[in-house]
Amino acid sequence: MNPAIIFDWIGTLYERNKGPYAYSERVLSVLRGRYKLGLISIAGGGEEARRKEIESSGLLNFFDAVIIGGSKTSDQFLHCMEMMGATPETTVIVDDRTVRGIKIGNDLGCQTFWIQKGDYSHELPNDDTGEPTFRINSIEDLLRYL
């Protein structure tokens, strides 16, 4: 099975209404050589608008699997893993929301990295979400762990 990383979009790789974080492309290029990379994003403004945003970011080509939908579900994460030839045991989930990506990753048995900065830093891990495997400040910190 392939080692894989599934990223969230807004607050993880892309700053809302501004564009990709300055470090996103560099970090993805380093990780791309060692991991299959996936992206799961909620499209509050519509799936087509989110797809265009991702395409225009210059980051789309880093991903082996991209899933855009109205919500995040365990099934989406499992489908993304399947598309990359990965399993929960070989997959890392990176998200800035404990109540979505981190909870789902923990429930599936993945390693989880919670970005504890930004719009959702007040959403602390709890009994329902479970504690993330690691707490980080940005995806740049992944390079120290992975």
N, C-alpha and C. Protein backbone atom coordinates (compact mmCIF):
# COMPACT_ATOMS: atom_id res chain seq x y z
N MET A 1 0.83 -1.19 0.00
CA MET A 1 0.00 0.00 0.00
C MET A 1 0.87 1.25 0.00
N ASN A 2 0.37 2.26 -0.66
CA ASN A 2 1.10 3.52 -0.77
C ASN A 2 0.92 4.39 0.47
N PRO A 3 2.00 5.03 0.93
CA PRO A 3 1.80 6.06 1.96
C PRO A 3 1.14 7.28 1.31
N ALA A 4 0.20 7.88 2.01
CA ALA A 4 -0.57 8.97 1.41
C ALA A 4 -0.85 10.05 2.45
N ILE A 5 -1.10 11.24 1.93
CA ILE A 5 -1.52 12.37 2.76
C ILE A 5 -2.76 12.97 2.12
N ILE A 6 -3.79 13.19 2.93
CA ILE A 6 -4.99 13.88 2.45
C ILE A 6 -5.05 15.24 3.13
N PHE A 7 -5.07 16.28 2.31
CA PHE A 7 -5.10 17.65 2.79
C PHE A 7 -6.50 18.23 2.68
N ASP A 8 -6.78 19.15 3.59
CA ASP A 8 -7.91 20.07 3.48
C ASP A 8 -7.43 21.22 2.60
N TRP A 9 -8.33 22.05 2.09
CA TRP A 9 -7.96 23.15 1.21
C TRP A 9 -7.87 24.48 1.97
N ILE A 10 -9.02 25.06 2.32
CA ILE A 10 -9.05 26.37 2.97
C ILE A 10 -8.50 26.27 4.39
N GLY A 11 -7.54 27.12 4.72
CA GLY A 11 -6.95 27.12 6.06
C GLY A 11 -5.81 26.14 6.21
N THR A 12 -5.60 25.31 5.20
CA THR A 12 -4.53 24.31 5.24
C THR A 12 -3.50 24.60 4.15
N LEU A 13 -3.96 24.66 2.91
CA LEU A 13 -3.08 24.96 1.76
C LEU A 13 -3.35 26.34 1.17
N TYR A 14 -4.55 26.86 1.43
CA TYR A 14 -5.04 28.05 0.73
C TYR A 14 -5.67 29.00 1.75
N GLU A 15 -5.24 30.25 1.73
CA GLU A 15 -5.81 31.24 2.63
C GLU A 15 -7.07 31.83 2.01
N ARG A 16 -8.17 31.72 2.73
CA ARG A 16 -9.48 32.15 2.22
C ARG A 16 -9.41 33.54 1.58
N ASN A 17 -9.93 33.64 0.36
CA ASN A 17 -10.01 34.89 -0.41
C ASN A 17 -8.66 35.53 -0.73
N LYS A 18 -7.56 34.80 -0.53
CA LYS A 18 -6.25 35.40 -0.80
C LYS A 18 -5.43 34.56 -1.77
N GLY A 19 -5.40 33.25 -1.59
CA GLY A 19 -4.60 32.40 -2.46
C GLY A 19 -3.79 31.39 -1.66
N PRO A 20 -2.98 30.60 -2.36
CA PRO A 20 -2.17 29.59 -1.66
C PRO A 20 -1.22 30.28 -0.67
N TYR A 21 -0.97 29.62 0.45
CA TYR A 21 0.05 30.12 1.37
C TYR A 21 1.39 30.11 0.65
N ALA A 22 2.29 31.00 1.03
CA ALA A 22 3.58 31.15 0.36
C ALA A 22 4.39 29.84 0.36
N TYR A 23 4.19 29.00 1.35
CA TYR A 23 4.96 27.76 1.49
C TYR A 23 4.28 26.53 0.88
N SER A 24 3.02 26.64 0.46
CA SER A 24 2.27 25.46 0.02
C SER A 24 2.95 24.71 -1.12
N GLU A 25 3.35 25.41 -2.17
CA GLU A 25 3.95 24.74 -3.32
C GLU A 25 5.26 24.03 -2.93
N ARG A 26 6.09 24.68 -2.14
CA ARG A 26 7.36 24.08 -1.73
C ARG A 26 7.13 22.81 -0.91
N VAL A 27 6.23 22.88 0.05
CA VAL A 27 5.97 21.72 0.91
C VAL A 27 5.39 20.57 0.08
N LEU A 28 4.43 20.87 -0.79
CA LEU A 28 3.84 19.81 -1.62
C LEU A 28 4.89 19.18 -2.53
N SER A 29 5.83 20.00 -3.07
CA SER A 29 6.84 19.40 -3.95
C SER A 29 7.77 18.47 -3.19
N VAL A 30 8.08 18.78 -1.95
CA VAL A 30 8.93 17.89 -1.14
C VAL A 30 8.18 16.59 -0.83
N LEU A 31 6.94 16.71 -0.39
CA LEU A 31 6.16 15.53 0.00
C LEU A 31 5.77 14.66 -1.20
N ARG A 32 5.59 15.26 -2.36
CA ARG A 32 5.15 14.56 -3.57
C ARG A 32 6.07 13.40 -3.93
N GLY A 33 7.34 13.52 -3.63
CA GLY A 33 8.28 12.45 -3.96
C GLY A 33 8.14 11.23 -3.07
N ARG A 34 7.53 11.38 -1.92
CA ARG A 34 7.46 10.28 -0.94
C ARG A 34 6.05 9.78 -0.66
N TYR A 35 5.04 10.57 -1.02
CA TYR A 35 3.65 10.24 -0.70
C TYR A 35 2.75 10.46 -1.91
N LYS A 36 1.66 9.70 -1.95
CA LYS A 36 0.55 10.06 -2.82
C LYS A 36 -0.17 11.19 -2.09
N LEU A 37 -0.63 12.19 -2.83
CA LEU A 37 -1.27 13.34 -2.20
C LEU A 37 -2.72 13.46 -2.66
N GLY A 38 -3.60 13.64 -1.69
CA GLY A 38 -5.01 13.82 -1.97
C GLY A 38 -5.52 15.12 -1.38
N LEU A 39 -6.65 15.55 -1.89
CA LEU A 39 -7.28 16.79 -1.43
C LEU A 39 -8.77 16.55 -1.30
N ILE A 40 -9.32 16.90 -0.14
CA ILE A 40 -10.77 16.85 0.05
C ILE A 40 -11.20 18.23 0.53
N SER A 41 -12.13 18.84 -0.21
CA SER A 41 -12.55 20.19 0.09
C SER A 41 -14.06 20.32 0.08
N ILE A 42 -14.57 21.05 1.05
CA ILE A 42 -15.98 21.41 1.06
C ILE A 42 -16.15 22.66 0.19
N ALA A 43 -17.16 22.65 -0.63
CA ALA A 43 -17.38 23.77 -1.56
C ALA A 43 -18.62 24.54 -1.16
N GLY A 44 -18.47 25.41 -0.18
CA GLY A 44 -19.60 26.22 0.26
C GLY A 44 -20.15 27.12 -0.84
N GLY A 45 -19.27 27.60 -1.71
CA GLY A 45 -19.68 28.49 -2.78
C GLY A 45 -19.98 27.76 -4.08
N GLY A 46 -20.07 26.43 -4.01
CA GLY A 46 -20.35 25.63 -5.20
C GLY A 46 -19.12 24.86 -5.66
N GLU A 47 -19.37 23.65 -6.13
CA GLU A 47 -18.27 22.77 -6.52
C GLU A 47 -17.47 23.31 -7.70
N GLU A 48 -18.16 23.90 -8.69
CA GLU A 48 -17.46 24.41 -9.86
C GLU A 48 -16.54 25.58 -9.48
N ALA A 49 -17.01 26.47 -8.62
CA ALA A 49 -16.18 27.59 -8.18
C ALA A 49 -14.96 27.10 -7.41
N ARG A 50 -15.13 26.10 -6.57
CA ARG A 50 -13.99 25.56 -5.81
C ARG A 50 -13.00 24.88 -6.75
N ARG A 51 -13.51 24.12 -7.71
CA ARG A 51 -12.63 23.45 -8.67
C ARG A 51 -11.79 24.49 -9.43
N LYS A 52 -12.42 25.57 -9.86
CA LYS A 52 -11.69 26.64 -10.58
C LYS A 52 -10.65 27.29 -9.67
N GLU A 53 -11.00 27.47 -8.42
CA GLU A 53 -10.06 28.05 -7.46
C GLU A 53 -8.82 27.16 -7.32
N ILE A 54 -9.04 25.86 -7.21
CA ILE A 54 -7.93 24.91 -7.08
C ILE A 54 -7.10 24.89 -8.36
N GLU A 55 -7.77 24.85 -9.50
CA GLU A 55 -7.06 24.84 -10.79
C GLU A 55 -6.21 26.10 -10.96
N SER A 56 -6.75 27.25 -10.62
CA SER A 56 -6.02 28.51 -10.82
C SER A 56 -4.93 28.73 -9.78
N SER A 57 -4.90 27.92 -8.72
CA SER A 57 -3.90 28.09 -7.65
C SER A 57 -2.51 27.63 -8.07
N GLY A 58 -2.43 26.80 -9.12
CA GLY A 58 -1.15 26.23 -9.51
C GLY A 58 -0.77 25.00 -8.72
N LEU A 59 -1.65 24.53 -7.85
CA LEU A 59 -1.33 23.38 -6.99
C LEU A 59 -1.99 22.07 -7.45
N LEU A 60 -2.92 22.14 -8.37
CA LEU A 60 -3.70 20.96 -8.76
C LEU A 60 -2.83 19.78 -9.18
N ASN A 61 -1.76 20.02 -9.92
CA ASN A 61 -0.94 18.93 -10.44
C ASN A 61 -0.19 18.14 -9.37
N PHE A 62 -0.17 18.62 -8.14
CA PHE A 62 0.48 17.88 -7.07
C PHE A 62 -0.38 16.70 -6.58
N PHE A 63 -1.67 16.72 -6.90
CA PHE A 63 -2.60 15.77 -6.30
C PHE A 63 -2.91 14.58 -7.18
N ASP A 64 -2.93 13.41 -6.54
CA ASP A 64 -3.31 12.16 -7.20
C ASP A 64 -4.81 11.96 -7.15
N ALA A 65 -5.47 12.61 -6.21
CA ALA A 65 -6.92 12.47 -6.04
C ALA A 65 -7.46 13.78 -5.47
N VAL A 66 -8.57 14.25 -6.04
CA VAL A 66 -9.23 15.46 -5.56
C VAL A 66 -10.72 15.17 -5.44
N ILE A 67 -11.27 15.45 -4.26
CA ILE A 67 -12.70 15.27 -4.03
C ILE A 67 -13.25 16.59 -3.50
N ILE A 68 -14.27 17.10 -4.18
CA ILE A 68 -14.93 18.35 -3.79
C ILE A 68 -16.40 18.02 -3.56
N GLY A 69 -16.94 18.44 -2.43
CA GLY A 69 -18.33 18.14 -2.15
C GLY A 69 -18.94 19.14 -1.20
N GLY A 70 -20.17 18.88 -0.82
CA GLY A 70 -20.90 19.76 0.08
C GLY A 70 -20.62 19.52 1.54
N SER A 71 -19.99 18.39 1.86
CA SER A 71 -19.63 18.07 3.25
C SER A 71 -18.46 17.09 3.20
N LYS A 72 -17.90 16.80 4.36
CA LYS A 72 -16.83 15.81 4.44
C LYS A 72 -17.38 14.59 5.16
N THR A 73 -17.14 13.41 4.56
CA THR A 73 -17.63 12.17 5.15
C THR A 73 -16.51 11.13 5.18
N SER A 74 -16.68 10.15 6.03
CA SER A 74 -15.73 9.04 6.07
C SER A 74 -15.63 8.36 4.72
N ASP A 75 -16.77 8.21 4.03
CA ASP A 75 -16.77 7.57 2.72
C ASP A 75 -15.90 8.32 1.71
N GLN A 76 -15.93 9.65 1.76
CA GLN A 76 -15.07 10.44 0.86
C GLN A 76 -13.59 10.16 1.14
N PHE A 77 -13.24 10.11 2.42
CA PHE A 77 -11.85 9.86 2.77
C PHE A 77 -11.43 8.46 2.34
N LEU A 78 -12.30 7.47 2.55
CA LEU A 78 -11.98 6.11 2.12
C LEU A 78 -11.87 6.02 0.60
N HIS A 79 -12.74 6.73 -0.12
CA HIS A 79 -12.68 6.75 -1.58
C HIS A 79 -11.39 7.41 -2.05
N CYS A 80 -11.00 8.49 -1.41
CA CYS A 80 -9.75 9.18 -1.76
C CYS A 80 -8.56 8.23 -1.54
N MET A 81 -8.56 7.52 -0.43
CA MET A 81 -7.49 6.55 -0.15
C MET A 81 -7.46 5.47 -1.22
N GLU A 82 -8.63 4.97 -1.58
CA GLU A 82 -8.72 3.93 -2.61
C GLU A 82 -8.14 4.44 -3.94
N MET A 83 -8.47 5.68 -4.30
CA MET A 83 -7.95 6.28 -5.53
C MET A 83 -6.42 6.36 -5.53
N MET A 84 -5.83 6.47 -4.34
CA MET A 84 -4.38 6.59 -4.21
C MET A 84 -3.70 5.27 -3.88
N GLY A 85 -4.48 4.20 -3.73
CA GLY A 85 -3.90 2.91 -3.37
C GLY A 85 -3.39 2.88 -1.94
N ALA A 86 -4.08 3.57 -1.05
CA ALA A 86 -3.67 3.68 0.34
C ALA A 86 -4.73 3.08 1.26
N THR A 87 -4.39 2.93 2.51
CA THR A 87 -5.31 2.46 3.55
C THR A 87 -5.26 3.46 4.70
N PRO A 88 -6.21 3.38 5.63
CA PRO A 88 -6.14 4.28 6.79
C PRO A 88 -4.81 4.17 7.54
N GLU A 89 -4.25 2.97 7.60
CA GLU A 89 -2.98 2.78 8.33
C GLU A 89 -1.80 3.45 7.64
N THR A 90 -1.92 3.71 6.33
CA THR A 90 -0.81 4.33 5.59
C THR A 90 -1.12 5.78 5.22
N THR A 91 -2.21 6.33 5.77
CA THR A 91 -2.65 7.67 5.39
C THR A 91 -2.56 8.65 6.54
N VAL A 92 -2.12 9.85 6.23
CA VAL A 92 -2.06 10.99 7.14
C VAL A 92 -3.14 11.98 6.70
N ILE A 93 -3.88 12.53 7.66
CA ILE A 93 -4.90 13.55 7.38
C ILE A 93 -4.40 14.88 7.96
N VAL A 94 -4.44 15.94 7.14
CA VAL A 94 -4.01 17.28 7.58
C VAL A 94 -5.19 18.22 7.41
N ASP A 95 -5.63 18.86 8.51
CA ASP A 95 -6.82 19.70 8.46
C ASP A 95 -6.74 20.76 9.55
N ASP A 96 -7.43 21.88 9.34
CA ASP A 96 -7.50 22.92 10.37
C ASP A 96 -8.79 22.83 11.18
N ARG A 97 -9.62 21.82 10.90
CA ARG A 97 -10.89 21.65 11.63
C ARG A 97 -10.89 20.33 12.38
N THR A 98 -10.97 20.42 13.70
CA THR A 98 -11.03 19.20 14.50
C THR A 98 -12.35 18.46 14.28
N VAL A 99 -13.43 19.23 14.07
CA VAL A 99 -14.76 18.62 13.98
C VAL A 99 -15.01 17.93 12.64
N ARG A 100 -14.12 18.09 11.68
CA ARG A 100 -14.29 17.45 10.38
C ARG A 100 -13.12 16.50 10.12
N GLY A 101 -12.09 17.01 9.47
CA GLY A 101 -10.99 16.16 9.04
C GLY A 101 -10.31 15.40 10.16
N ILE A 102 -10.05 16.05 11.27
CA ILE A 102 -9.35 15.38 12.38
C ILE A 102 -10.24 14.29 12.97
N LYS A 103 -11.51 14.59 13.20
CA LYS A 103 -12.42 13.58 13.75
C LYS A 103 -12.52 12.38 12.81
N ILE A 104 -12.72 12.64 11.52
CA ILE A 104 -12.86 11.55 10.56
C ILE A 104 -11.57 10.73 10.51
N GLY A 105 -10.43 11.42 10.43
CA GLY A 105 -9.15 10.71 10.40
C GLY A 105 -8.95 9.85 11.64
N ASN A 106 -9.25 10.40 12.81
CA ASN A 106 -9.12 9.63 14.05
C ASN A 106 -10.06 8.43 14.04
N ASP A 107 -11.31 8.64 13.61
CA ASP A 107 -12.29 7.54 13.57
C ASP A 107 -11.84 6.42 12.63
N LEU A 108 -11.16 6.78 11.54
CA LEU A 108 -10.72 5.78 10.57
C LEU A 108 -9.40 5.11 10.96
N GLY A 109 -8.70 5.67 11.94
CA GLY A 109 -7.43 5.09 12.36
C GLY A 109 -6.22 5.65 11.61
N CYS A 110 -6.36 6.85 11.05
CA CYS A 110 -5.25 7.52 10.35
C CYS A 110 -4.43 8.32 11.36
N GLN A 111 -3.20 8.67 10.97
CA GLN A 111 -2.46 9.69 11.71
C GLN A 111 -3.10 11.03 11.35
N THR A 112 -3.23 11.93 12.31
CA THR A 112 -3.86 13.22 12.05
C THR A 112 -2.95 14.36 12.49
N PHE A 113 -2.92 15.40 11.66
CA PHE A 113 -2.17 16.62 11.96
C PHE A 113 -3.16 17.78 11.95
N TRP A 114 -3.34 18.39 13.12
CA TRP A 114 -4.25 19.52 13.25
C TRP A 114 -3.47 20.83 13.18
N ILE A 115 -3.84 21.67 12.22
CA ILE A 115 -3.27 23.01 12.12
C ILE A 115 -4.04 23.88 13.10
N GLN A 116 -3.39 24.20 14.20
CA GLN A 116 -4.07 24.88 15.32
C GLN A 116 -3.98 26.39 15.23
N LYS A 117 -3.98 26.92 14.02
CA LYS A 117 -3.99 28.37 13.79
C LYS A 117 -5.12 28.69 12.84
N GLY A 118 -5.48 29.95 12.78
CA GLY A 118 -6.45 30.37 11.79
C GLY A 118 -7.87 30.47 12.31
N ASP A 119 -8.82 30.45 11.37
CA ASP A 119 -10.23 30.69 11.67
C ASP A 119 -10.82 29.70 12.68
N TYR A 120 -10.28 28.49 12.74
CA TYR A 120 -10.91 27.46 13.57
C TYR A 120 -10.03 27.00 14.73
N SER A 121 -9.07 27.83 15.11
CA SER A 121 -8.17 27.45 16.21
C SER A 121 -8.91 27.33 17.54
N HIS A 122 -10.10 27.92 17.62
CA HIS A 122 -10.91 27.82 18.84
C HIS A 122 -11.63 26.46 18.94
N GLU A 123 -11.66 25.70 17.84
CA GLU A 123 -12.30 24.38 17.86
C GLU A 123 -11.31 23.36 18.41
N LEU A 124 -11.20 23.31 19.71
CA LEU A 124 -10.23 22.44 20.35
C LEU A 124 -10.68 20.98 20.28
N PRO A 125 -9.71 20.06 20.26
CA PRO A 125 -10.08 18.64 20.30
C PRO A 125 -10.88 18.35 21.57
N ASN A 126 -11.82 17.42 21.44
CA ASN A 126 -12.63 17.05 22.59
C ASN A 126 -12.88 15.53 22.56
N ASP A 127 -13.73 15.05 23.44
CA ASP A 127 -14.00 13.60 23.49
C ASP A 127 -14.57 13.09 22.19
N ASP A 128 -15.34 13.91 21.48
CA ASP A 128 -15.96 13.50 20.23
C ASP A 128 -14.94 13.45 19.08
N THR A 129 -14.10 14.46 18.96
CA THR A 129 -13.14 14.51 17.85
C THR A 129 -11.93 13.63 18.10
N GLY A 130 -11.58 13.47 19.35
CA GLY A 130 -10.34 12.79 19.69
C GLY A 130 -9.16 13.74 19.52
N GLU A 131 -8.07 13.41 20.15
CA GLU A 131 -6.85 14.22 20.09
C GLU A 131 -6.13 13.94 18.77
N PRO A 132 -5.67 14.98 18.07
CA PRO A 132 -4.90 14.72 16.85
C PRO A 132 -3.58 14.03 17.22
N THR A 133 -3.00 13.31 16.26
CA THR A 133 -1.70 12.68 16.50
C THR A 133 -0.66 13.76 16.76
N PHE A 134 -0.72 14.85 15.97
CA PHE A 134 0.20 15.98 16.12
C PHE A 134 -0.57 17.29 15.98
N ARG A 135 -0.11 18.31 16.70
CA ARG A 135 -0.60 19.68 16.56
C ARG A 135 0.51 20.46 15.87
N ILE A 136 0.16 21.15 14.77
CA ILE A 136 1.15 21.92 14.03
C ILE A 136 0.61 23.32 13.77
N ASN A 137 1.51 24.22 13.35
CA ASN A 137 1.11 25.60 13.08
C ASN A 137 0.84 25.85 11.60
N SER A 138 1.45 25.05 10.73
CA SER A 138 1.22 25.14 9.28
C SER A 138 1.73 23.85 8.65
N ILE A 139 1.45 23.67 7.36
CA ILE A 139 1.94 22.46 6.70
C ILE A 139 3.46 22.43 6.62
N GLU A 140 4.12 23.56 6.81
CA GLU A 140 5.59 23.55 6.84
C GLU A 140 6.08 22.62 7.93
N ASP A 141 5.36 22.54 9.03
CA ASP A 141 5.76 21.68 10.15
C ASP A 141 5.74 20.20 9.77
N LEU A 142 4.98 19.83 8.75
CA LEU A 142 4.95 18.42 8.31
C LEU A 142 6.35 17.93 7.95
N LEU A 143 7.17 18.80 7.41
CA LEU A 143 8.50 18.40 6.95
C LEU A 143 9.39 17.95 8.10
N ARG A 144 9.06 18.34 9.32
CA ARG A 144 9.83 17.88 10.48
C ARG A 144 9.37 16.50 10.95
N TYR A 145 8.14 16.12 10.62
CA TYR A 145 7.57 14.87 11.11
C TYR A 145 7.54 13.76 10.06
N LEU A 146 7.40 14.13 8.80
CA LEU A 146 7.21 13.11 7.76
C LEU A 146 8.45 12.96 6.88
